[in-house]
PDB file of N, CA and C in Angstrom:
ATOM      1  N   MET A   1     123.125 127.116 120.152  1.00  0.00           N
ATOM      2  CA  MET A   1     124.160 127.056 121.171  1.00  0.00           C
ATOM      3  C   MET A   1     124.761 125.657 121.208  1.00  0.00           C
ATOM      4  N   ASN A   2     126.093 125.583 121.318  1.00  0.00           N
ATOM      5  CA  ASN A   2     126.787 124.351 121.324  1.00  0.00           C
ATOM      6  C   ASN A   2     127.044 123.874 122.724  1.00  0.00           C
ATOM      7  N   ARG A   3     126.245 122.928 123.216  1.00  0.00           N
ATOM      8  CA  ARG A   3     126.376 122.417 124.594  1.00  0.00           C
ATOM      9  C   ARG A   3     127.583 121.503 124.750  1.00  0.00           C
ATOM     10  N   LYS A   4     128.009 120.814 123.703  1.00  0.00           N
ATOM     11  CA  LYS A   4     129.179 119.929 123.760  1.00  0.00           C
ATOM     12  C   LYS A   4     130.408 120.762 124.069  1.00  0.00           C
ATOM     13  N   GLY A   5     130.527 121.888 123.434  1.00  0.00           N
ATOM     14  CA  GLY A   5     131.689 122.742 123.716  1.00  0.00           C
ATOM     15  C   GLY A   5     131.723 123.280 125.137  1.00  0.00           C
ATOM     16  N   GLN A   6     130.544 123.621 125.648  1.00  0.00           N
ATOM     17  CA  GLN A   6     130.433 124.153 127.004  1.00  0.00           C
ATOM     18  C   GLN A   6     130.828 123.043 128.011  1.00  0.00           C
ATOM     19  N   ALA A   7     130.353 121.816 127.777  1.00  0.00           N
ATOM     20  CA  ALA A   7     130.690 120.703 128.671  1.00  0.00           C
ATOM     21  C   ALA A   7     132.194 120.411 128.622  1.00  0.00           C
ATOM     22  N   LEU A   8     132.758 120.510 127.474  1.00  0.00           N
ATOM     23  CA  LEU A   8     134.204 120.263 127.347  1.00  0.00           C
ATOM     24  C   LEU A   8     135.030 121.307 128.104  1.00  0.00           C
ATOM     25  N   VAL A   9     134.627 122.572 127.990  1.00  0.00           N
ATOM     26  CA  VAL A   9     135.314 123.650 128.699  1.00  0.00           C
ATOM     27  C   VAL A   9     135.162 123.430 130.212  1.00  0.00           C
ATOM     28  N   GLU A  10     133.962 123.100 130.685  1.00  0.00           N
ATOM     29  CA  GLU A  10     133.782 122.847 132.125  1.00  0.00           C
ATOM     30  C   GLU A  10     134.612 121.673 132.603  1.00  0.00           C
ATOM     31  N   PHE A  11     134.669 120.667 131.795  1.00  0.00           N
ATOM     32  CA  PHE A  11     135.465 119.470 132.132  1.00  0.00           C
ATOM     33  C   PHE A  11     136.939 119.820 132.225  1.00  0.00           C
ATOM     34  N   VAL A  12     137.426 120.592 131.268  1.00  0.00           N
ATOM     35  CA  VAL A  12     138.854 120.955 131.272  1.00  0.00           C
ATOM     36  C   VAL A  12     139.148 121.887 132.455  1.00  0.00           C
ATOM     37  N   LEU A  13     138.206 122.702 132.880  1.00  0.00           N
ATOM     38  CA  LEU A  13     138.456 123.582 134.017  1.00  0.00           C
ATOM     39  C   LEU A  13     138.435 122.792 135.353  1.00  0.00           C
ATOM     40  N   LEU A  14     137.624 121.762 135.454  1.00  0.00           N
ATOM     41  CA  LEU A  14     137.493 121.024 136.678  1.00  0.00           C
ATOM     42  C   LEU A  14     138.440 119.830 136.785  1.00  0.00           C
ATOM     43  N   LEU A  15     139.010 119.407 135.702  1.00  0.00           N
ATOM     44  CA  LEU A  15     139.899 118.218 135.723  1.00  0.00           C
ATOM     45  C   LEU A  15     141.094 118.429 136.675  1.00  0.00           C
ATOM     46  N   PRO A  16     141.830 119.566 136.621  1.00  0.00           N
ATOM     47  CA  PRO A  16     142.941 119.716 137.532  1.00  0.00           C
ATOM     48  C   PRO A  16     142.580 119.667 139.011  1.00  0.00           C
ATOM     49  N   VAL A  17     141.339 120.186 139.333  1.00  0.00           N
ATOM     50  CA  VAL A  17     140.894 120.140 140.717  1.00  0.00           C
ATOM     51  C   VAL A  17     140.640 118.671 141.157  1.00  0.00           C
ATOM     52  N   PHE A  18     140.026 117.906 140.301  1.00  0.00           N
ATOM     53  CA  PHE A  18     139.787 116.494 140.618  1.00  0.00           C
ATOM     54  C   PHE A  18     141.105 115.725 140.751  1.00  0.00           C
ATOM     55  N   ILE A  19     142.043 116.027 139.905  1.00  0.00           N
ATOM     56  CA  ILE A  19     143.342 115.329 139.967  1.00  0.00           C
ATOM     57  C   ILE A  19     144.085 115.701 141.223  1.00  0.00           C
ATOM     58  N   MET A  20     144.031 116.982 141.659  1.00  0.00           N
ATOM     59  CA  MET A  20     144.635 117.364 142.916  1.00  0.00           C
ATOM     60  C   MET A  20     143.995 116.694 144.115  1.00  0.00           C
ATOM     61  N   ILE A  21     142.668 116.596 144.103  1.00  0.00           N
ATOM     62  CA  ILE A  21     141.961 115.898 145.155  1.00  0.00           C
ATOM     63  C   ILE A  21     142.385 114.420 145.231  1.00  0.00           C
ATOM     64  N   LEU A  22     142.512 113.814 144.065  1.00  0.00           N
ATOM     65  CA  LEU A  22     142.961 112.423 143.987  1.00  0.00           C
ATOM     66  C   LEU A  22     144.354 112.255 144.545  1.00  0.00           C
ATOM     67  N   PHE A  23     145.282 113.129 144.185  1.00  0.00           N
ATOM     68  CA  PHE A  23     146.662 113.056 144.718  1.00  0.00           C
ATOM     69  C   PHE A  23     146.675 113.274 146.206  1.00  0.00           C
ATOM     70  N   LEU A  24     145.854 114.224 146.717  1.00  0.00           N
ATOM     71  CA  LEU A  24     145.774 114.483 148.150  1.00  0.00           C
ATOM     72  C   LEU A  24     145.301 113.270 148.898  1.00  0.00           C
ATOM     73  N   VAL A  25     144.288 112.603 148.337  1.00  0.00           N
ATOM     74  CA  VAL A  25     143.740 111.358 148.976  1.00  0.00           C
ATOM     75  C   VAL A  25     144.874 110.306 149.045  1.00  0.00           C
ATOM     76  N   VAL A  26     145.616 110.167 147.937  1.00  0.00           N
ATOM     77  CA  VAL A  26     146.720 109.178 147.936  1.00  0.00           C
ATOM     78  C   VAL A  26     147.785 109.558 148.950  1.00  0.00           C
ATOM     79  N   ASP A  27     148.153 110.840 149.022  1.00  0.00           N
ATOM     80  CA  ASP A  27     149.223 111.297 149.958  1.00  0.00           C
ATOM     81  C   ASP A  27     148.751 111.041 151.382  1.00  0.00           C
ATOM     82  N   PHE A  28     147.578 111.462 151.748  1.00  0.00           N
ATOM     83  CA  PHE A  28     147.137 111.283 153.123  1.00  0.00           C
ATOM     84  C   PHE A  28     146.899 109.798 153.460  1.00  0.00           C
ATOM     85  N   GLY A  29     146.490 109.020 152.502  1.00  0.00           N
ATOM     86  CA  GLY A  29     146.381 107.572 152.716  1.00  0.00           C
ATOM     87  C   GLY A  29     147.744 106.945 152.958  1.00  0.00           C
ATOM     88  N   THR A  30     148.753 107.402 152.216  1.00  0.00           N
ATOM     89  CA  THR A  30     150.073 106.884 152.366  1.00  0.00           C
ATOM     90  C   THR A  30     150.617 107.285 153.760  1.00  0.00           C
ATOM     91  N   ILE A  31     150.391 108.530 154.150  1.00  0.00           N
ATOM     92  CA  ILE A  31     150.856 109.007 155.471  1.00  0.00           C
ATOM     93  C   ILE A  31     150.165 108.196 156.580  1.00  0.00           C
ATOM     94  N   TYR A  32     148.884 107.961 156.461  1.00  0.00           N
ATOM     95  CA  TYR A  32     148.156 107.209 157.479  1.00  0.00           C
ATOM     96  C   TYR A  32     148.668 105.760 157.562  1.00  0.00           C
ATOM     97  N   SER A  33     148.872 105.170 156.424  1.00  0.00           N
ATOM     98  CA  SER A  33     149.365 103.790 156.360  1.00  0.00           C
ATOM     99  C   SER A  33     150.753 103.674 156.950  1.00  0.00           C
ATOM    100  N   ARG A  34     151.658 104.581 156.608  1.00  0.00           N
ATOM    101  CA  ARG A  34     153.006 104.546 157.113  1.00  0.00           C
ATOM    102  C   ARG A  34     153.021 104.832 158.614  1.00  0.00           C
ATOM    103  N   LYS A  35     152.137 105.684 159.095  1.00  0.00           N
ATOM    104  CA  LYS A  35     152.053 105.998 160.551  1.00  0.00           C
ATOM    105  C   LYS A  35     151.601 104.737 161.293  1.00  0.00           C
ATOM    106  N   ALA A  36     150.606 104.019 160.756  1.00  0.00           N
ATOM    107  CA  ALA A  36     150.143 102.768 161.425  1.00  0.00           C
ATOM    108  C   ALA A  36     151.267 101.742 161.417  1.00  0.00           C
ATOM    109  N   ASN A  37     152.027 101.615 160.313  1.00  0.00           N
ATOM    110  CA  ASN A  37     153.184 100.725 160.270  1.00  0.00           C
ATOM    111  C   ASN A  37     154.229 101.110 161.279  1.00  0.00           C
ATOM    112  N   LEU A  38     154.488 102.443 161.397  1.00  0.00           N
ATOM    113  CA  LEU A  38     155.499 102.897 162.360  1.00  0.00           C
ATOM    114  C   LEU A  38     155.062 102.642 163.783  1.00  0.00           C
ATOM    115  N   GLU A  39     153.793 102.722 164.067  1.00  0.00           N
ATOM    116  CA  GLU A  39     153.279 102.376 165.386  1.00  0.00           C
ATOM    117  C   GLU A  39     153.587 100.915 165.710  1.00  0.00           C
ATOM    118  N   ASN A  40     153.367 100.021 164.753  1.00  0.00           N
ATOM    119  CA  ASN A  40     153.660  98.608 164.976  1.00  0.00           C
ATOM    120  C   ASN A  40     155.161  98.345 165.178  1.00  0.00           C
ATOM    121  N   VAL A  41     155.966  99.001 164.370  1.00  0.00           N
ATOM    122  CA  VAL A  41     157.439  98.851 164.500  1.00  0.00           C
ATOM    123  C   VAL A  41     157.899  99.369 165.845  1.00  0.00           C
ATOM    124  N   THR A  42     157.318 100.486 166.268  1.00  0.00           N
ATOM    125  CA  THR A  42     157.695 101.050 167.571  1.00  0.00           C
ATOM    126  C   THR A  42     157.319 100.116 168.723  1.00  0.00           C
ATOM    127  N   SER A  43     156.209  99.475 168.611  1.00  0.00           N
ATOM    128  CA  SER A  43     155.817  98.473 169.632  1.00  0.00           C
ATOM    129  C   SER A  43     156.801  97.315 169.658  1.00  0.00           C
ATOM    130  N   ASP A  44     157.268  96.861 168.519  1.00  0.00           N
ATOM    131  CA  ASP A  44     158.286  95.793 168.479  1.00  0.00           C
ATOM    132  C   ASP A  44     159.581  96.278 169.080  1.00  0.00           C
ATOM    133  N   ILE A  45     159.987  97.515 168.841  1.00  0.00           N
ATOM    134  CA  ILE A  45     161.222  98.068 169.369  1.00  0.00           C
ATOM    135  C   ILE A  45     161.101  98.213 170.922  1.00  0.00           C
ATOM    136  N   VAL A  46     159.950  98.647 171.369  1.00  0.00           N
ATOM    137  CA  VAL A  46     159.739  98.717 172.845  1.00  0.00           C
ATOM    138  C   VAL A  46     159.875  97.374 173.475  1.00  0.00           C
ATOM    139  N   ASP A  47     159.308  96.323 172.864  1.00  0.00           N
ATOM    140  CA  ASP A  47     159.437  94.964 173.399  1.00  0.00           C
ATOM    141  C   ASP A  47     160.890  94.549 173.424  1.00  0.00           C
ATOM    142  N   ALA A  48     161.656  94.884 172.378  1.00  0.00           N
ATOM    143  CA  ALA A  48     163.061  94.520 172.323  1.00  0.00           C
ATOM    144  C   ALA A  48     163.855  95.264 173.403  1.00  0.00           C
ATOM    145  N   VAL A  49     163.510  96.514 173.669  1.00  0.00           N
ATOM    146  CA  VAL A  49     164.198  97.287 174.729  1.00  0.00           C
ATOM    147  C   VAL A  49     163.872  96.673 176.083  1.00  0.00           C
ATOM    148  N   LYS A  50     162.615  96.291 176.268  1.00  0.00           N
ATOM    149  CA  LYS A  50     162.204  95.704 177.563  1.00  0.00           C
ATOM    150  C   LYS A  50     162.943  94.359 177.776  1.00  0.00           C
ATOM    151  N   ASN A  51     163.273  93.648 176.682  1.00  0.00           N
ATOM    152  CA  ASN A  51     163.959  92.376 176.792  1.00  0.00           C
ATOM    153  C   ASN A  51     165.465  92.547 176.838  1.00  0.00           C
ATOM    154  N   GLY A  52     165.957  93.771 176.903  1.00  0.00           N
ATOM    155  CA  GLY A  52     167.360  94.025 177.103  1.00  0.00           C
ATOM    156  C   GLY A  52     168.215  94.030 175.825  1.00  0.00           C
ATOM    157  N   LYS A  53     167.613  94.165 174.660  1.00  0.00           N
ATOM    158  CA  LYS A  53     168.403  94.191 173.441  1.00  0.00           C
ATOM    159  C   LYS A  53     169.152  95.506 173.315  1.00  0.00           C
ATOM    160  N   GLU A  54     170.321  95.459 172.729  1.00  0.00           N
ATOM    161  CA  GLU A  54     171.139  96.630 172.526  1.00  0.00           C
ATOM    162  C   GLU A  54     170.611  97.504 171.358  1.00  0.00           C
ATOM    163  N   LEU A  55     170.913  98.775 171.408  1.00  0.00           N
ATOM    164  CA  LEU A  55     170.495  99.697 170.305  1.00  0.00           C
ATOM    165  C   LEU A  55     171.117  99.305 168.995  1.00  0.00           C
ATOM    166  N   SER A  56     172.329  98.863 168.984  1.00  0.00           N
ATOM    167  CA  SER A  56     172.970  98.426 167.717  1.00  0.00           C
ATOM    168  C   SER A  56     172.230  97.262 167.079  1.00  0.00           C
ATOM    169  N   TRP A  57     171.782  96.329 167.889  1.00  0.00           N
ATOM    170  CA  TRP A  57     171.011  95.186 167.379  1.00  0.00           C
ATOM    171  C   TRP A  57     169.679  95.668 166.832  1.00  0.00           C
ATOM    172  N   ILE A  58     169.018  96.571 167.530  1.00  0.00           N
ATOM    173  CA  ILE A  58     167.729  97.083 167.066  1.00  0.00           C
ATOM    174  C   ILE A  58     167.877  97.841 165.771  1.00  0.00           C
ATOM    175  N   LYS A  59     168.909  98.682 165.675  1.00  0.00           N
ATOM    176  CA  LYS A  59     169.125  99.443 164.441  1.00  0.00           C
ATOM    177  C   LYS A  59     169.504  98.543 163.275  1.00  0.00           C
ATOM    178  N   GLU A  60     170.131  97.417 163.553  1.00  0.00           N
ATOM    179  CA  GLU A  60     170.488  96.458 162.472  1.00  0.00           C
ATOM    180  C   GLU A  60     169.227  95.801 161.925  1.00  0.00           C
ATOM    181  N   ILE A  61     168.287  95.472 162.830  1.00  0.00           N
ATOM    182  CA  ILE A  61     167.051  94.826 162.406  1.00  0.00           C
ATOM    183  C   ILE A  61     166.131  95.815 161.709  1.00  0.00           C
ATOM    184  N   TYR A  62     166.008  97.030 162.256  1.00  0.00           N
ATOM    185  CA  TYR A  62     165.087  98.041 161.720  1.00  0.00           C
ATOM    186  C   TYR A  62     165.902  99.184 161.075  1.00  0.00           C
ATOM    187  N   ASN A  63     166.677  98.808 160.062  1.00  0.00           N
ATOM    188  CA  ASN A  63     167.599  99.802 159.464  1.00  0.00           C
ATOM    189  C   ASN A  63     166.901 100.794 158.533  1.00  0.00           C
ATOM    190  N   ASP A  64     165.603 100.607 158.266  1.00  0.00           N
ATOM    191  CA  ASP A  64     164.877 101.575 157.357  1.00  0.00           C
ATOM    192  C   ASP A  64     164.376 102.759 158.144  1.00  0.00           C
ATOM    193  N   TYR A  65     164.483 102.724 159.491  1.00  0.00           N
ATOM    194  CA  TYR A  65     163.885 103.769 160.315  1.00  0.00           C
ATOM    195  C   TYR A  65     164.973 104.487 161.088  1.00  0.00           C
ATOM    196  N   MET A  66     164.712 105.726 161.486  1.00  0.00           N
ATOM    197  CA  MET A  66     165.603 106.465 162.352  1.00  0.00           C
ATOM    198  C   MET A  66     165.154 106.217 163.779  1.00  0.00           C
ATOM    199  N   ILE A  67     166.033 105.605 164.572  1.00  0.00           N
ATOM    200  CA  ILE A  67     165.716 105.199 165.923  1.00  0.00           C
ATOM    201  C   ILE A  67     166.628 105.924 166.876  1.00  0.00           C
ATOM    202  N   ASN A  68     166.011 106.485 167.936  1.00  0.00           N
ATOM    203  CA  ASN A  68     166.800 107.146 168.980  1.00  0.00           C
ATOM    204  C   ASN A  68     166.215 106.715 170.330  1.00  0.00           C
ATOM    205  N   ILE A  69     167.151 106.307 171.193  1.00  0.00           N
ATOM    206  CA  ILE A  69     166.764 105.912 172.546  1.00  0.00           C
ATOM    207  C   ILE A  69     167.536 106.783 173.536  1.00  0.00           C
ATOM    208  N   SER A  70     166.805 107.579 174.322  1.00  0.00           N
ATOM    209  CA  SER A  70     167.458 108.402 175.326  1.00  0.00           C
ATOM    210  C   SER A  70     167.024 107.920 176.687  1.00  0.00           C
ATOM    211  N   SER A  71     167.945 107.912 177.615  1.00  0.00           N
ATOM    212  CA  SER A  71     167.659 107.381 178.953  1.00  0.00           C
ATOM    213  C   SER A  71     167.594 108.530 179.990  1.00  0.00           C
ATOM    214  N   SER A  72     166.745 108.284 180.963  1.00  0.00           N
ATOM    215  CA  SER A  72     166.650 109.162 182.125  1.00  0.00           C
ATOM    216  C   SER A  72     166.742 108.267 183.331  1.00  0.00           C
ATOM    217  N   GLU A  73     166.615 108.817 184.523  1.00  0.00           N
ATOM    218  CA  GLU A  73     166.721 107.999 185.715  1.00  0.00           C
ATOM    219  C   GLU A  73     165.562 106.978 185.811  1.00  0.00           C
ATOM    220  N   ASP A  74     164.387 107.415 185.404  1.00  0.00           N
ATOM    221  CA  ASP A  74     163.208 106.556 185.602  1.00  0.00           C
ATOM    222  C   ASP A  74     162.682 105.905 184.346  1.00  0.00           C
ATOM    223  N   TYR A  75     163.093 106.391 183.154  1.00  0.00           N
ATOM    224  CA  TYR A  75     162.489 105.851 181.926  1.00  0.00           C
ATOM    225  C   TYR A  75     163.465 105.965 180.786  1.00  0.00           C
ATOM    226  N   LYS A  76     163.107 105.304 179.694  1.00  0.00           N
ATOM    227  CA  LYS A  76     163.793 105.427 178.409  1.00  0.00           C
ATOM    228  C   LYS A  76     162.802 105.967 177.401  1.00  0.00           C
ATOM    229  N   LYS A  77     163.206 106.940 176.637  1.00  0.00           N
ATOM    230  CA  LYS A  77     162.379 107.524 175.621  1.00  0.00           C
ATOM    231  C   LYS A  77     162.795 106.972 174.289  1.00  0.00           C
ATOM    232  N   ILE A  78     161.870 106.304 173.591  1.00  0.00           N
ATOM    233  CA  ILE A  78     162.171 105.669 172.296  1.00  0.00           C
ATOM    234  C   ILE A  78     161.467 106.493 171.224  1.00  0.00           C
ATOM    235  N   THR A  79     162.262 106.988 170.285  1.00  0.00           N
ATOM    236  CA  THR A  79     161.701 107.769 169.152  1.00  0.00           C
ATOM    237  C   THR A  79     162.038 107.044 167.869  1.00  0.00           C
ATOM    238  N   VAL A  80     161.018 106.819 167.072  1.00  0.00           N
ATOM    239  CA  VAL A  80     161.188 106.172 165.774  1.00  0.00           C
ATOM    240  C   VAL A  80     160.585 107.084 164.727  1.00  0.00           C
ATOM    241  N   ALA A  81     161.322 107.363 163.658  1.00  0.00           N
ATOM    242  CA  ALA A  81     160.875 108.305 162.624  1.00  0.00           C
ATOM    243  C   ALA A  81     161.108 107.684 161.266  1.00  0.00           C
ATOM    244  N   ASP A  82     160.272 108.149 160.325  1.00  0.00           N
ATOM    245  CA  ASP A  82     160.381 107.776 158.920  1.00  0.00           C
ATOM    246  C   ASP A  82     159.910 108.968 158.100  1.00  0.00           C
ATOM    247  N   TYR A  83     160.212 108.948 156.814  1.00  0.00           N
ATOM    248  CA  TYR A  83     159.819 110.020 155.893  1.00  0.00           C
ATOM    249  C   TYR A  83     158.926 109.484 154.787  1.00  0.00           C
ATOM    250  N   VAL A  84     157.952 110.302 154.364  1.00  0.00           N
ATOM    251  CA  VAL A  84     157.099 109.963 153.244  1.00  0.00           C
ATOM    252  C   VAL A  84     157.284 111.026 152.184  1.00  0.00           C
ATOM    253  N   ASN A  85     157.612 110.602 150.957  1.00  0.00           N
ATOM    254  CA  ASN A  85     157.709 111.537 149.840  1.00  0.00           C
ATOM    255  C   ASN A  85     156.298 111.783 149.293  1.00  0.00           C
ATOM    256  N   LEU A  86     155.921 113.050 149.187  1.00  0.00           N
ATOM    257  CA  LEU A  86     154.576 113.436 148.765  1.00  0.00           C
ATOM    258  C   LEU A  86     154.553 113.591 147.241  1.00  0.00           C
ATOM    259  N   ILE A  87     153.405 113.276 146.656  1.00  0.00           N
ATOM    260  CA  ILE A  87     153.289 113.339 145.206  1.00  0.00           C
ATOM    261  C   ILE A  87     152.438 114.506 144.718  1.00  0.00           C
ATOM    262  N   THR A  88     151.672 115.131 145.594  1.00  0.00           N
ATOM    263  CA  THR A  88     150.784 116.218 145.208  1.00  0.00           C
ATOM    264  C   THR A  88     151.609 117.471 144.934  1.00  0.00           C
ATOM    265  N   PRO A  89     151.468 118.038 143.708  1.00  0.00           N
ATOM    266  CA  PRO A  89     152.176 119.287 143.391  1.00  0.00           C
ATOM    267  C   PRO A  89     151.661 120.423 144.287  1.00  0.00           C
ATOM    268  N   GLY A  90     152.607 121.175 144.838  1.00  0.00           N
ATOM    269  CA  GLY A  90     152.236 122.337 145.625  1.00  0.00           C
ATOM    270  C   GLY A  90     151.946 122.044 147.107  1.00  0.00           C
ATOM    271  N   ILE A  91     151.902 120.779 147.499  1.00  0.00           N
ATOM    272  CA  ILE A  91     151.627 120.446 148.888  1.00  0.00           C
ATOM    273  C   ILE A  91     152.762 120.860 149.791  1.00  0.00           C
ATOM    274  N   ASP A  92     153.931 121.064 149.203  1.00  0.00           N
ATOM    275  CA  ASP A  92     155.079 121.481 150.049  1.00  0.00           C
ATOM    276  C   ASP A  92     154.932 122.884 150.579  1.00  0.00           C
ATOM    277  N   LEU A  93     153.927 123.621 150.105  1.00  0.00           N
ATOM    278  CA  LEU A  93     153.604 124.907 150.700  1.00  0.00           C
ATOM    279  C   LEU A  93     152.939 124.752 152.051  1.00  0.00           C
ATOM    280  N   ILE A  94     152.276 123.587 152.272  1.00  0.00           N
ATOM    281  CA  ILE A  94     151.577 123.331 153.481  1.00  0.00           C
ATOM    282  C   ILE A  94     152.370 122.354 154.372  1.00  0.00           C
ATOM    283  N   LEU A  95     152.816 121.273 153.811  1.00  0.00           N
ATOM    284  CA  LEU A  95     153.546 120.227 154.557  1.00  0.00           C
ATOM    285  C   LEU A  95     154.961 120.184 154.048  1.00  0.00           C
ATOM    286  N   ASP A  96     155.868 119.717 154.907  1.00  0.00           N
ATOM    287  CA  ASP A  96     157.248 119.490 154.486  1.00  0.00           C
ATOM    288  C   ASP A  96     157.294 118.330 153.517  1.00  0.00           C
ATOM    289  N   ASP A  97     158.176 118.424 152.537  1.00  0.00           N
ATOM    290  CA  ASP A  97     158.348 117.322 151.589  1.00  0.00           C
ATOM    291  C   ASP A  97     159.826 116.960 151.580  1.00  0.00           C
ATOM    292  N   PRO A  98     160.236 115.814 152.033  1.00  0.00           N
ATOM    293  CA  PRO A  98     159.436 114.701 152.549  1.00  0.00           C
ATOM    294  C   PRO A  98     158.843 114.943 153.907  1.00  0.00           C
ATOM    295  N   TYR A  99     157.696 114.377 154.138  1.00  0.00           N
ATOM    296  CA  TYR A  99     156.930 114.572 155.406  1.00  0.00           C
ATOM    297  C   TYR A  99     157.456 113.592 156.434  1.00  0.00           C
ATOM    298  N   GLU A 100     157.798 114.114 157.618  1.00  0.00           N
ATOM    299  CA  GLU A 100     158.362 113.283 158.683  1.00  0.00           C
ATOM    300  C   GLU A 100     157.240 112.744 159.541  1.00  0.00           C
ATOM    301  N   ILE A 101     157.263 111.422 159.786  1.00  0.00           N
ATOM    302  CA  ILE A 101     156.338 110.752 160.697  1.00  0.00           C
ATOM    303  C   ILE A 101     157.157 110.326 161.887  1.00  0.00           C
ATOM    304  N   MET A 102     156.672 110.609 163.071  1.00  0.00           N
ATOM    305  CA  MET A 102     157.430 110.279 164.258  1.00  0.00           C
ATOM    306  C   MET A 102     156.539 109.689 165.335  1.00  0.00           C
ATOM    307  N   VAL A 103     157.011 108.620 166.007  1.00  0.00           N
ATOM    308  CA  VAL A 103     156.318 107.980 167.097  1.00  0.00           C
ATOM    309  C   VAL A 103     157.222 107.920 168.270  1.00  0.00           C
ATOM    310  N   GLU A 104     156.687 108.338 169.445  1.00  0.00           N
ATOM    311  CA  GLU A 104     157.498 108.320 170.706  1.00  0.00           C
ATOM    312  C   GLU A 104     156.836 107.365 171.707  1.00  0.00           C
ATOM    313  N   ARG A 105     157.624 106.633 172.418  1.00  0.00           N
ATOM    314  CA  ARG A 105     157.149 105.784 173.489  1.00  0.00           C
ATOM    315  C   ARG A 105     158.084 105.945 174.706  1.00  0.00           C
ATOM    316  N   PHE A 106     157.539 105.789 175.868  1.00  0.00           N
ATOM    317  CA  PHE A 106     158.315 105.832 177.068  1.00  0.00           C
ATOM    318  C   PHE A 106     158.273 104.454 177.769  1.00  0.00           C
ATOM    319  N   VAL A 107     159.419 103.934 178.092  1.00  0.00           N
ATOM    320  CA  VAL A 107     159.511 102.667 178.830  1.00  0.00           C
ATOM    321  C   VAL A 107     160.012 103.014 180.228  1.00  0.00           C
ATOM    322  N   TYR A 108     159.193 102.725 181.230  1.00  0.00           N
ATOM    323  CA  TYR A 108     159.570 103.049 182.580  1.00  0.00           C
ATOM    324  C   TYR A 108     160.281 101.860 183.202  1.00  0.00           C
ATOM    325  N   ASP A 109     161.333 102.140 183.938  1.00  0.00           N
ATOM    326  CA  ASP A 109     162.119 101.115 184.647  1.00  0.00           C
ATOM    327  C   ASP A 109     161.333 100.568 185.825  1.00  0.00           C
ATOM    328  N   ASP A 110     161.373  99.282 185.961  1.00  0.00           N
ATOM    329  CA  ASP A 110     160.664  98.669 187.080  1.00  0.00           C
ATOM    330  C   ASP A 110     161.466  98.747 188.362  1.00  0.00           C
TER     331      ASP A 110
END
């Protein structure tokens, strides 16, 4: 019996599974990293809104992100969004590609 041939067949059968797992780890790591970055950017935008900066100035500084500020009587709702392009083949059956990351904050008027 040829054990080298059996090991090669098993390796060829399992290699795509390992590659998919690797791509998934990279995709979810990218999503997590971009979400953490978006949280930091949103905190900076909240500080700018609290200091009275205009939306046009904020969008000029943070032009890589989609920023929306909606006002109510008591608060302002700040929404910051970004997209991540996924690399895992077939992941678009589960997640949207590009995947949207969104962070919302509420700033209450004093």
